[in-house]
PDB file of N, CA and C in Angstrom:
ATOM      1  N   UNK A   1     -10.007 -86.874   4.125  1.00  0.00           N
ATOM      2  CA  UNK A   1     -11.107 -87.560   2.848  1.00  0.00           C
ATOM      3  C   UNK A   1     -12.386 -87.636   3.251  1.00  0.00           C
ATOM      4  N   UNK A   2     -12.389 -88.180   4.453  1.00  0.00           N
ATOM      5  CA  UNK A   2     -13.883 -88.635   5.100  1.00  0.00           C
ATOM      6  C   UNK A   2     -15.060 -87.674   5.363  1.00  0.00           C
ATOM      7  N   UNK A   3     -14.168 -86.695   6.262  1.00  0.00           N
ATOM      8  CA  UNK A   3     -14.906 -85.127   6.350  1.00  0.00           C
ATOM      9  C   UNK A   3     -15.355 -84.831   4.811  1.00  0.00           C
ATOM     10  N   UNK A   4     -14.890 -84.546   3.950  1.00  0.00           N
ATOM     11  CA  UNK A   4     -14.950 -83.700   2.748  1.00  0.00           C
ATOM     12  C   UNK A   4     -16.197 -84.741   1.897  1.00  0.00           C
ATOM     13  N   UNK A   5     -16.116 -85.924   2.254  1.00  0.00           N
ATOM     14  CA  UNK A   5     -17.170 -86.890   1.430  1.00  0.00           C
ATOM     15  C   UNK A   5     -18.689 -86.829   2.350  1.00  0.00           C
ATOM     16  N   UNK A   6     -18.595 -86.320   3.575  1.00  0.00           N
ATOM     17  CA  UNK A   6     -19.718 -86.615   4.555  1.00  0.00           C
ATOM     18  C   UNK A   6     -20.168 -85.176   4.463  1.00  0.00           C
ATOM     19  N   UNK A   7     -19.159 -84.003   4.202  1.00  0.00           N
ATOM     20  CA  UNK A   7     -19.948 -82.487   3.843  1.00  0.00           C
ATOM     21  C   UNK A   7     -20.694 -82.446   2.707  1.00  0.00           C
ATOM     22  N   UNK A   8     -19.953 -83.378   1.717  1.00  0.00           N
ATOM     23  CA  UNK A   8     -20.822 -83.329   0.351  1.00  0.00           C
ATOM     24  C   UNK A   8     -21.960 -84.174   0.706  1.00  0.00           C
ATOM     25  N   UNK A   9     -22.327 -84.768   1.441  1.00  0.00           N
ATOM     26  CA  UNK A   9     -23.520 -85.820   1.629  1.00  0.00           C
ATOM     27  C   UNK A   9     -24.413 -84.462   2.296  1.00  0.00           C
ATOM     28  N   UNK A  10     -24.132 -83.876   3.325  1.00  0.00           N
ATOM     29  CA  UNK A  10     -24.857 -82.956   3.923  1.00  0.00           C
ATOM     30  C   UNK A  10     -25.098 -81.693   3.112  1.00  0.00           C
ATOM     31  N   UNK A  11     -23.851 -81.442   2.055  1.00  0.00           N
ATOM     32  CA  UNK A  11     -24.288 -80.317   1.245  1.00  0.00           C
ATOM     33  C   UNK A  11     -25.257 -80.415   0.129  1.00  0.00           C
ATOM     34  N   UNK A  12     -25.476 -81.758  -0.149  1.00  0.00           N
ATOM     35  CA  UNK A  12     -26.416 -82.483  -1.136  1.00  0.00           C
ATOM     36  C   UNK A  12     -27.794 -82.637  -0.494  1.00  0.00           C
ATOM     37  N   UNK A  13     -27.765 -82.703   0.717  1.00  0.00           N
ATOM     38  CA  UNK A  13     -29.304 -82.804   1.491  1.00  0.00           C
ATOM     39  C   UNK A  13     -29.629 -81.383   1.386  1.00  0.00           C
ATOM     40  N   UNK A  14     -28.831 -80.327   1.668  1.00  0.00           N
ATOM     41  CA  UNK A  14     -29.362 -78.851   1.781  1.00  0.00           C
ATOM     42  C   UNK A  14     -29.712 -78.527   0.297  1.00  0.00           C
ATOM     43  N   UNK A  15     -28.898 -78.940  -0.762  1.00  0.00           N
ATOM     44  CA  UNK A  15     -29.419 -78.518  -2.119  1.00  0.00           C
ATOM     45  C   UNK A  15     -30.759 -79.275  -2.224  1.00  0.00           C
ATOM     46  N   UNK A  16     -31.067 -80.212  -1.914  1.00  0.00           N
ATOM     47  CA  UNK A  16     -32.358 -80.946  -2.529  1.00  0.00           C
ATOM     48  C   UNK A  16     -33.536 -80.431  -1.585  1.00  0.00           C
ATOM     49  N   UNK A  17     -33.315 -80.033  -0.495  1.00  0.00           N
ATOM     50  CA  UNK A  17     -34.340 -79.070   0.637  1.00  0.00           C
ATOM     51  C   UNK A  17     -34.368 -77.901  -0.227  1.00  0.00           C
ATOM     52  N   UNK A  18     -33.605 -76.979  -0.693  1.00  0.00           N
ATOM     53  CA  UNK A  18     -33.505 -75.669  -1.251  1.00  0.00           C
ATOM     54  C   UNK A  18     -34.445 -75.881  -2.720  1.00  0.00           C
ATOM     55  N   UNK A  19     -34.058 -77.047  -3.352  1.00  0.00           N
ATOM     56  CA  UNK A  19     -34.773 -77.408  -4.675  1.00  0.00           C
ATOM     57  C   UNK A  19     -36.321 -77.620  -4.382  1.00  0.00           C
ATOM     58  N   UNK A  20     -36.576 -78.608  -3.462  1.00  0.00           N
ATOM     59  CA  UNK A  20     -38.023 -78.746  -3.370  1.00  0.00           C
ATOM     60  C   UNK A  20     -38.713 -77.878  -2.320  1.00  0.00           C
ATOM     61  N   UNK A  21     -38.110 -77.140  -1.574  1.00  0.00           N
ATOM     62  CA  UNK A  21     -38.941 -76.033  -0.558  1.00  0.00           C
ATOM     63  C   UNK A  21     -38.883 -74.497  -1.076  1.00  0.00           C
ATOM     64  N   UNK A  22     -37.855 -74.680  -2.025  1.00  0.00           N
ATOM     65  CA  UNK A  22     -38.124 -72.769  -2.990  1.00  0.00           C
ATOM     66  C   UNK A  22     -37.332 -71.892  -2.338  1.00  0.00           C
ATOM     67  N   UNK A  23     -36.652 -72.200  -1.055  1.00  0.00           N
ATOM     68  CA  UNK A  23     -36.339 -71.084  -0.486  1.00  0.00           C
ATOM     69  C   UNK A  23     -34.677 -71.665   0.363  1.00  0.00           C
ATOM     70  N   UNK A  24     -33.823 -70.682   0.697  1.00  0.00           N
ATOM     71  CA  UNK A  24     -32.693 -70.857   1.314  1.00  0.00           C
ATOM     72  C   UNK A  24     -32.842 -71.701   2.644  1.00  0.00           C
ATOM     73  N   UNK A  25     -31.498 -72.789   2.928  1.00  0.00           N
ATOM     74  CA  UNK A  25     -31.826 -73.445   4.307  1.00  0.00           C
ATOM     75  C   UNK A  25     -30.495 -73.311   4.947  1.00  0.00           C
ATOM     76  N   UNK A  26     -30.557 -72.701   6.212  1.00  0.00           N
ATOM     77  CA  UNK A  26     -29.139 -72.088   6.734  1.00  0.00           C
ATOM     78  C   UNK A  26     -29.495 -73.141   8.106  1.00  0.00           C
ATOM     79  N   UNK A  27     -30.628 -73.494   8.586  1.00  0.00           N
ATOM     80  CA  UNK A  27     -30.921 -73.898   9.958  1.00  0.00           C
ATOM     81  C   UNK A  27     -31.528 -75.357   9.806  1.00  0.00           C
ATOM     82  N   UNK A  28     -31.061 -76.439  10.251  1.00  0.00           N
ATOM     83  CA  UNK A  28     -31.254 -77.706  10.253  1.00  0.00           C
ATOM     84  C   UNK A  28     -31.670 -78.519  11.380  1.00  0.00           C
ATOM     85  N   UNK A  29     -32.514 -79.591  11.474  1.00  0.00           N
ATOM     86  CA  UNK A  29     -32.676 -80.691  12.351  1.00  0.00           C
ATOM     87  C   UNK A  29     -32.417 -81.898  11.780  1.00  0.00           C
ATOM     88  N   UNK A  30     -31.414 -82.756  12.406  1.00  0.00           N
ATOM     89  CA  UNK A  30     -30.550 -83.623  11.773  1.00  0.00           C
ATOM     90  C   UNK A  30     -31.162 -85.153  12.483  1.00  0.00           C
ATOM     91  N   UNK A  31     -31.716 -86.244  11.889  1.00  0.00           N
ATOM     92  CA  UNK A  31     -32.119 -87.254  12.561  1.00  0.00           C
ATOM     93  C   UNK A  31     -31.020 -88.352  12.344  1.00  0.00           C
ATOM     94  N   UNK A  32     -30.861 -89.036  13.621  1.00  0.00           N
ATOM     95  CA  UNK A  32     -29.765 -89.986  13.671  1.00  0.00           C
ATOM     96  C   UNK A  32     -30.269 -90.986  14.182  1.00  0.00           C
ATOM     97  N   UNK A  33     -29.468 -92.220  13.736  1.00  0.00           N
ATOM     98  CA  UNK A  33     -29.911 -93.717  14.095  1.00  0.00           C
ATOM     99  C   UNK A  33     -30.013 -93.793  15.683  1.00  0.00           C
ATOM    100  N   UNK A  34     -30.822 -94.575  16.676  1.00  0.00           N
ATOM    101  CA  UNK A  34     -30.721 -94.608  17.988  1.00  0.00           C
ATOM    102  C   UNK A  34     -29.255 -94.908  18.479  1.00  0.00           C
ATOM    103  N   UNK A  35     -28.425 -95.826  17.940  1.00  0.00           N
ATOM    104  CA  UNK A  35     -27.335 -96.099  18.112  1.00  0.00           C
ATOM    105  C   UNK A  35     -26.032 -95.596  18.025  1.00  0.00           C
ATOM    106  N   UNK A  36     -26.324 -94.279  17.336  1.00  0.00           N
ATOM    107  CA  UNK A  36     -25.099 -93.166  17.385  1.00  0.00           C
ATOM    108  C   UNK A  36     -24.602 -92.801  18.661  1.00  0.00           C
ATOM    109  N   UNK A  37     -23.311 -93.031  18.958  1.00  0.00           N
ATOM    110  CA  UNK A  37     -22.758 -92.542  20.227  1.00  0.00           C
ATOM    111  C   UNK A  37     -22.460 -90.888  20.288  1.00  0.00           C
ATOM    112  N   UNK A  38     -22.144 -90.756  21.259  1.00  0.00           N
ATOM    113  CA  UNK A  38     -21.809 -89.087  21.334  1.00  0.00           C
ATOM    114  C   UNK A  38     -20.749 -88.806  20.563  1.00  0.00           C
ATOM    115  N   UNK A  39     -19.742 -89.294  20.153  1.00  0.00           N
ATOM    116  CA  UNK A  39     -18.587 -88.957  18.921  1.00  0.00           C
ATOM    117  C   UNK A  39     -18.832 -89.049  17.690  1.00  0.00           C
ATOM    118  N   UNK A  40     -20.070 -89.926  17.331  1.00  0.00           N
ATOM    119  CA  UNK A  40     -20.965 -89.854  15.810  1.00  0.00           C
ATOM    120  C   UNK A  40     -21.276 -88.549  15.989  1.00  0.00           C
ATOM    121  N   UNK A  41     -22.303 -88.433  17.111  1.00  0.00           N
ATOM    122  CA  UNK A  41     -23.215 -87.180  16.707  1.00  0.00           C
ATOM    123  C   UNK A  41     -22.198 -86.055  16.953  1.00  0.00           C
ATOM    124  N   UNK A  42     -20.914 -85.744  17.457  1.00  0.00           N
ATOM    125  CA  UNK A  42     -20.323 -84.608  17.464  1.00  0.00           C
ATOM    126  C   UNK A  42     -19.849 -84.584  16.073  1.00  0.00           C
ATOM    127  N   UNK A  43     -19.277 -85.634  15.660  1.00  0.00           N
ATOM    128  CA  UNK A  43     -18.836 -85.845  14.010  1.00  0.00           C
ATOM    129  C   UNK A  43     -19.662 -85.343  12.940  1.00  0.00           C
ATOM    130  N   UNK A  44     -20.842 -85.370  13.181  1.00  0.00           N
ATOM    131  CA  UNK A  44     -21.998 -85.000  12.363  1.00  0.00           C
ATOM    132  C   UNK A  44     -22.380 -83.644  12.643  1.00  0.00           C
ATOM    133  N   UNK A  45     -22.261 -82.906  13.928  1.00  0.00           N
ATOM    134  CA  UNK A  45     -22.377 -81.558  13.926  1.00  0.00           C
ATOM    135  C   UNK A  45     -21.180 -80.939  13.384  1.00  0.00           C
ATOM    136  N   UNK A  46     -19.762 -81.528  13.384  1.00  0.00           N
ATOM    137  CA  UNK A  46     -18.759 -80.927  12.362  1.00  0.00           C
ATOM    138  C   UNK A  46     -19.087 -80.759  11.232  1.00  0.00           C
ATOM    139  N   UNK A  47     -19.645 -81.995  10.574  1.00  0.00           N
ATOM    140  CA  UNK A  47     -19.915 -81.969   9.235  1.00  0.00           C
ATOM    141  C   UNK A  47     -20.986 -81.014   8.878  1.00  0.00           C
ATOM    142  N   UNK A  48     -22.119 -80.933   9.680  1.00  0.00           N
ATOM    143  CA  UNK A  48     -22.929 -79.782   9.442  1.00  0.00           C
ATOM    144  C   UNK A  48     -22.137 -78.053   9.399  1.00  0.00           C
ATOM    145  N   UNK A  49     -21.548 -78.176  10.240  1.00  0.00           N
ATOM    146  CA  UNK A  49     -20.562 -76.780  10.686  1.00  0.00           C
ATOM    147  C   UNK A  49     -19.851 -76.451   9.228  1.00  0.00           C
ATOM    148  N   UNK A  50     -18.736 -77.411   8.580  1.00  0.00           N
ATOM    149  CA  UNK A  50     -18.275 -77.471   7.197  1.00  0.00           C
ATOM    150  C   UNK A  50     -19.358 -77.059   6.005  1.00  0.00           C
ATOM    151  N   UNK A  51     -20.272 -77.751   6.209  1.00  0.00           N
ATOM    152  CA  UNK A  51     -21.173 -77.718   5.174  1.00  0.00           C
ATOM    153  C   UNK A  51     -22.057 -76.222   5.156  1.00  0.00           C
ATOM    154  N   UNK A  52     -21.782 -75.373   6.186  1.00  0.00           N
ATOM    155  CA  UNK A  52     -22.295 -73.992   6.390  1.00  0.00           C
ATOM    156  C   UNK A  52     -23.800 -74.215   6.775  1.00  0.00           C
ATOM    157  N   UNK A  53     -23.944 -75.009   7.715  1.00  0.00           N
ATOM    158  CA  UNK A  53     -25.410 -74.979   8.072  1.00  0.00           C
ATOM    159  C   UNK A  53     -25.595 -75.123   9.917  1.00  0.00           C
ATOM    160  N   UNK A  54     -26.466 -74.504  10.439  1.00  0.00           N
ATOM    161  CA  UNK A  54     -26.494 -74.509  11.661  1.00  0.00           C
ATOM    162  C   UNK A  54     -27.497 -75.784  12.172  1.00  0.00           C
ATOM    163  N   UNK A  55     -26.689 -76.527  13.185  1.00  0.00           N
ATOM    164  CA  UNK A  55     -27.943 -77.813  13.496  1.00  0.00           C
ATOM    165  C   UNK A  55     -28.509 -77.283  14.878  1.00  0.00           C
ATOM    166  N   UNK A  56     -29.704 -77.122  14.739  1.00  0.00           N
ATOM    167  CA  UNK A  56     -30.786 -76.579  15.853  1.00  0.00           C
ATOM    168  C   UNK A  56     -31.045 -77.691  16.671  1.00  0.00           C
ATOM    169  N   UNK A  57     -30.977 -79.005  16.305  1.00  0.00           N
ATOM    170  CA  UNK A  57     -31.160 -80.314  17.032  1.00  0.00           C
ATOM    171  C   UNK A  57     -30.807 -81.415  16.424  1.00  0.00           C
ATOM    172  N   UNK A  58     -30.177 -82.548  17.002  1.00  0.00           N
ATOM    173  CA  UNK A  58     -29.941 -83.646  16.727  1.00  0.00           C
ATOM    174  C   UNK A  58     -30.925 -84.536  17.435  1.00  0.00           C
ATOM    175  N   UNK A  59     -31.901 -85.267  16.609  1.00  0.00           N
ATOM    176  CA  UNK A  59     -32.778 -86.047  16.992  1.00  0.00           C
ATOM    177  C   UNK A  59     -32.710 -87.263  16.797  1.00  0.00           C
ATOM    178  N   UNK A  60     -33.122 -88.317  18.051  1.00  0.00           N
ATOM    179  CA  UNK A  60     -32.996 -89.961  17.489  1.00  0.00           C
ATOM    180  C   UNK A  60     -34.469 -90.186  16.495  1.00  0.00           C
ATOM    181  N   UNK A  61     -34.196 -91.022  15.735  1.00  0.00           N
ATOM    182  CA  UNK A  61     -35.210 -91.583  14.760  1.00  0.00           C
ATOM    183  C   UNK A  61     -36.236 -92.089  15.430  1.00  0.00           C
ATOM    184  N   UNK A  62     -36.212 -92.520  16.775  1.00  0.00           N
ATOM    185  CA  UNK A  62     -37.400 -92.969  17.401  1.00  0.00           C
ATOM    186  C   UNK A  62     -38.125 -91.522  17.812  1.00  0.00           C
ATOM    187  N   UNK A  63     -37.764 -90.767  18.207  1.00  0.00           N
ATOM    188  CA  UNK A  63     -38.086 -89.459  18.579  1.00  0.00           C
ATOM    189  C   UNK A  63     -38.960 -88.601  17.447  1.00  0.00           C
ATOM    190  N   UNK A  64     -38.363 -88.882  16.221  1.00  0.00           N
ATOM    191  CA  UNK A  64     -38.584 -88.195  15.176  1.00  0.00           C
ATOM    192  C   UNK A  64     -40.204 -88.779  14.631  1.00  0.00           C
ATOM    193  N   UNK A  65     -39.906 -90.309  14.580  1.00  0.00           N
ATOM    194  CA  UNK A  65     -41.070 -90.967  14.103  1.00  0.00           C
ATOM    195  C   UNK A  65     -42.388 -90.882  15.077  1.00  0.00           C
ATOM    196  N   UNK A  66     -42.145 -90.863  16.413  1.00  0.00           N
ATOM    197  CA  UNK A  66     -43.132 -90.331  17.449  1.00  0.00           C
ATOM    198  C   UNK A  66     -43.691 -89.037  17.335  1.00  0.00           C
ATOM    199  N   UNK A  67     -42.818 -88.371  17.161  1.00  0.00           N
ATOM    200  CA  UNK A  67     -43.264 -86.784  16.683  1.00  0.00           C
ATOM    201  C   UNK A  67     -44.078 -86.768  15.635  1.00  0.00           C
ATOM    202  N   UNK A  68     -43.701 -87.245  14.612  1.00  0.00           N
ATOM    203  CA  UNK A  68     -44.260 -87.297  13.330  1.00  0.00           C
ATOM    204  C   UNK A  68     -45.727 -87.913  13.345  1.00  0.00           C
ATOM    205  N   UNK A  69     -45.839 -89.097  13.820  1.00  0.00           N
ATOM    206  CA  UNK A  69     -47.095 -89.734  14.151  1.00  0.00           C
ATOM    207  C   UNK A  69     -48.089 -88.563  14.929  1.00  0.00           C
ATOM    208  N   UNK A  70     -47.744 -88.151  15.987  1.00  0.00           N
ATOM    209  CA  UNK A  70     -48.439 -87.309  16.725  1.00  0.00           C
ATOM    210  C   UNK A  70     -49.008 -85.975  15.832  1.00  0.00           C
ATOM    211  N   UNK A  71     -48.231 -85.300  15.175  1.00  0.00           N
ATOM    212  CA  UNK A  71     -48.404 -84.420  14.494  1.00  0.00           C
ATOM    213  C   UNK A  71     -49.408 -84.658  12.984  1.00  0.00           C
ATOM    214  N   UNK A  72     -49.070 -85.841  12.619  1.00  0.00           N
ATOM    215  CA  UNK A  72     -49.733 -85.834  11.257  1.00  0.00           C
ATOM    216  C   UNK A  72     -50.736 -86.924  11.159  1.00  0.00           C
ATOM    217  N   UNK A  73     -51.092 -87.702  12.557  1.00  0.00           N
ATOM    218  CA  UNK A  73     -52.085 -88.277  13.049  1.00  0.00           C
ATOM    219  C   UNK A  73     -53.167 -87.838  13.786  1.00  0.00           C
ATOM    220  N   UNK A  74     -52.849 -86.156  13.868  1.00  0.00           N
ATOM    221  CA  UNK A  74     -53.890 -85.587  14.834  1.00  0.00           C
ATOM    222  C   UNK A  74     -54.007 -86.299  16.133  1.00  0.00           C
ATOM    223  N   UNK A  75     -53.029 -86.965  16.725  1.00  0.00           N
ATOM    224  CA  UNK A  75     -53.025 -87.461  18.113  1.00  0.00           C
ATOM    225  C   UNK A  75     -53.903 -86.378  19.110  1.00  0.00           C
ATOM    226  N   UNK A  76     -55.062 -87.067  19.246  1.00  0.00           N
ATOM    227  CA  UNK A  76     -55.826 -86.084  20.473  1.00  0.00           C
ATOM    228  C   UNK A  76     -55.146 -86.583  21.847  1.00  0.00           C
ATOM    229  N   UNK A  77     -54.839 -85.067  22.538  1.00  0.00           N
ATOM    230  CA  UNK A  77     -53.980 -85.247  23.800  1.00  0.00           C
ATOM    231  C   UNK A  77     -55.216 -85.417  24.908  1.00  0.00           C
ATOM    232  N   UNK A  78     -55.201 -86.468  25.610  1.00  0.00           N
ATOM    233  CA  UNK A  78     -56.317 -86.849  26.916  1.00  0.00           C
ATOM    234  C   UNK A  78     -55.534 -87.184  27.776  1.00  0.00           C
ATOM    235  N   UNK A  79     -56.441 -87.177  28.986  1.00  0.00           N
ATOM    236  CA  UNK A  79     -55.883 -87.737  30.213  1.00  0.00           C
ATOM    237  C   UNK A  79     -55.258 -89.453  30.178  1.00  0.00           C
ATOM    238  N   UNK A  80     -56.359 -89.880  29.474  1.00  0.00           N
ATOM    239  CA  UNK A  80     -55.890 -91.729  29.050  1.00  0.00           C
ATOM    240  C   UNK A  80     -54.909 -91.558  28.285  1.00  0.00           C
ATOM    241  N   UNK A  81     -53.586 -92.116  28.561  1.00  0.00           N
ATOM    242  CA  UNK A  81     -52.747 -91.913  27.808  1.00  0.00           C
ATOM    243  C   UNK A  81     -53.234 -92.902  26.339  1.00  0.00           C
ATOM    244  N   UNK A  82     -52.511 -92.642  25.152  1.00  0.00           N
ATOM    245  CA  UNK A  82     -52.508 -93.672  24.146  1.00  0.00           C
ATOM    246  C   UNK A  82     -51.055 -94.200  23.748  1.00  0.00           C
ATOM    247  N   UNK A  83     -51.009 -95.470  24.176  1.00  0.00           N
ATOM    248  CA  UNK A  83     -49.834 -95.902  24.100  1.00  0.00           C
ATOM    249  C   UNK A  83     -49.554 -96.836  22.601  1.00  0.00           C
ATOM    250  N   UNK A  84     -48.511 -96.339  21.842  1.00  0.00           N
ATOM    251  CA  UNK A  84     -47.925 -97.212  20.458  1.00  0.00           C
ATOM    252  C   UNK A  84     -46.698 -97.379  20.580  1.00  0.00           C
ATOM    253  N   UNK A  85     -46.533 -98.543  19.932  1.00  0.00           N
ATOM    254  CA  UNK A  85     -45.342 -99.095  20.001  1.00  0.00           C
ATOM    255  C   UNK A  85     -44.726 -99.081  18.239  1.00  0.00           C
ATOM    256  N   UNK A  86     -43.564 -98.326  18.218  1.00  0.00           N
ATOM    257  CA  UNK A  86     -42.899 -98.122  16.962  1.00  0.00           C
ATOM    258  C   UNK A  86     -41.808 -98.988  16.498  1.00  0.00           C
ATOM    259  N   UNK A  87     -41.846-100.016  15.513  1.00  0.00           N
ATOM    260  CA  UNK A  87     -40.952-100.921  15.363  1.00  0.00           C
ATOM    261  C   UNK A  87     -40.190-100.595  13.772  1.00  0.00           C
ATOM    262  N   UNK A  88     -38.896-100.420  13.928  1.00  0.00           N
ATOM    263  CA  UNK A  88     -38.336-100.070  12.912  1.00  0.00           C
ATOM    264  C   UNK A  88     -37.350-101.603  12.519  1.00  0.00           C
ATOM    265  N   UNK A  89     -37.528-102.191  11.039  1.00  0.00           N
ATOM    266  CA  UNK A  89     -36.770-103.143  10.939  1.00  0.00           C
ATOM    267  C   UNK A  89     -36.290-103.063   9.763  1.00  0.00           C
ATOM    268  N   UNK A  90     -34.700-103.042   9.613  1.00  0.00           N
ATOM    269  CA  UNK A  90     -34.025-102.995   8.463  1.00  0.00           C
ATOM    270  C   UNK A  90     -33.120-103.865   8.279  1.00  0.00           C
ATOM    271  N   UNK A  91     -32.244-103.384   7.326  1.00  0.00           N
ATOM    272  CA  UNK A  91     -31.090-104.318   6.895  1.00  0.00           C
ATOM    273  C   UNK A  91     -29.770-104.501   7.878  1.00  0.00           C
ATOM    274  N   UNK A  92     -29.981-103.050   8.485  1.00  0.00           N
ATOM    275  CA  UNK A  92     -28.639-102.803   9.428  1.00  0.00           C
ATOM    276  C   UNK A  92     -28.853-103.104  11.033  1.00  0.00           C
ATOM    277  N   UNK A  93     -30.460-102.635  11.111  1.00  0.00           N
ATOM    278  CA  UNK A  93     -30.586-102.813  12.721  1.00  0.00           C
ATOM    279  C   UNK A  93     -32.158-102.998  12.966  1.00  0.00           C
ATOM    280  N   UNK A  94     -32.355-103.433  14.106  1.00  0.00           N
ATOM    281  CA  UNK A  94     -33.852-103.304  14.161  1.00  0.00           C
ATOM    282  C   UNK A  94     -34.419-102.824  15.825  1.00  0.00           C
ATOM    283  N   UNK A  95     -35.028-101.866  15.921  1.00  0.00           N
ATOM    284  CA  UNK A  95     -35.080-101.076  16.803  1.00  0.00           C
ATOM    285  C   UNK A  95     -36.615-100.734  17.193  1.00  0.00           C
ATOM    286  N   UNK A  96     -37.161-100.560  18.687  1.00  0.00           N
ATOM    287  CA  UNK A  96     -38.474-100.391  18.976  1.00  0.00           C
ATOM    288  C   UNK A  96     -38.445 -99.408  19.806  1.00  0.00           C
ATOM    289  N   UNK A  97     -39.685 -98.643  19.947  1.00  0.00           N
ATOM    290  CA  UNK A  97     -39.746 -97.517  20.811  1.00  0.00           C
ATOM    291  C   UNK A  97     -41.321 -97.343  21.355  1.00  0.00           C
ATOM    292  N   UNK A  98     -41.579 -97.435  22.749  1.00  0.00           N
ATOM    293  CA  UNK A  98     -43.066 -97.475  22.992  1.00  0.00           C
ATOM    294  C   UNK A  98     -42.944 -96.168  23.730  1.00  0.00           C
ATOM    295  N   UNK A  99     -44.310 -95.540  23.037  1.00  0.00           N
ATOM    296  CA  UNK A  99     -44.484 -93.947  23.587  1.00  0.00           C
ATOM    297  C   UNK A  99     -45.906 -93.829  24.103  1.00  0.00           C
ATOM    298  N   UNK A 100     -46.053 -93.231  24.500  1.00  0.00           N
ATOM    299  CA  UNK A 100     -46.960 -92.906  25.516  1.00  0.00           C
ATOM    300  C   UNK A 100     -47.640 -91.179  25.349  1.00  0.00           C
ATOM    301  N   UNK A 101     -48.820 -91.108  24.816  1.00  0.00           N
ATOM    302  CA  UNK A 101     -49.322 -89.790  24.414  1.00  0.00           C
ATOM    303  C   UNK A 101     -50.371 -89.328  25.486  1.00  0.00           C
ATOM    304  N   UNK A 102     -50.360 -88.410  26.064  1.00  0.00           N
ATOM    305  CA  UNK A 102     -51.065 -88.119  27.410  1.00  0.00           C
ATOM    306  C   UNK A 102     -51.092 -86.280  27.606  1.00  0.00           C
ATOM    307  N   UNK A 103     -52.043 -86.041  28.457  1.00  0.00           N
ATOM    308  CA  UNK A 103     -51.800 -84.774  29.020  1.00  0.00           C
ATOM    309  C   UNK A 103     -50.780 -84.749  30.083  1.00  0.00           C
TER     310      UNK A 103
END
């Protein structure tokens, strides 16, 4: 029962992506909390398979935040590193990541 509930969640996410993007979704990158262990990551991969989508990458939320910041803030890559602290404070967990952007 748990698998079908999770699968429905993944299927709903795919349907939302199709509705907003206007084209079919068959390949995804899934962001997971940094505290997910290997068993939880494998379970998520299985759920995505059941939902009919190919997972290209599982990415930790800290990595996703750092990538999003670099892309949408147009971080200029120079020899002198730009060091940024990303802090996530939520109801379930708090995490922090220190990222260095440099050539």
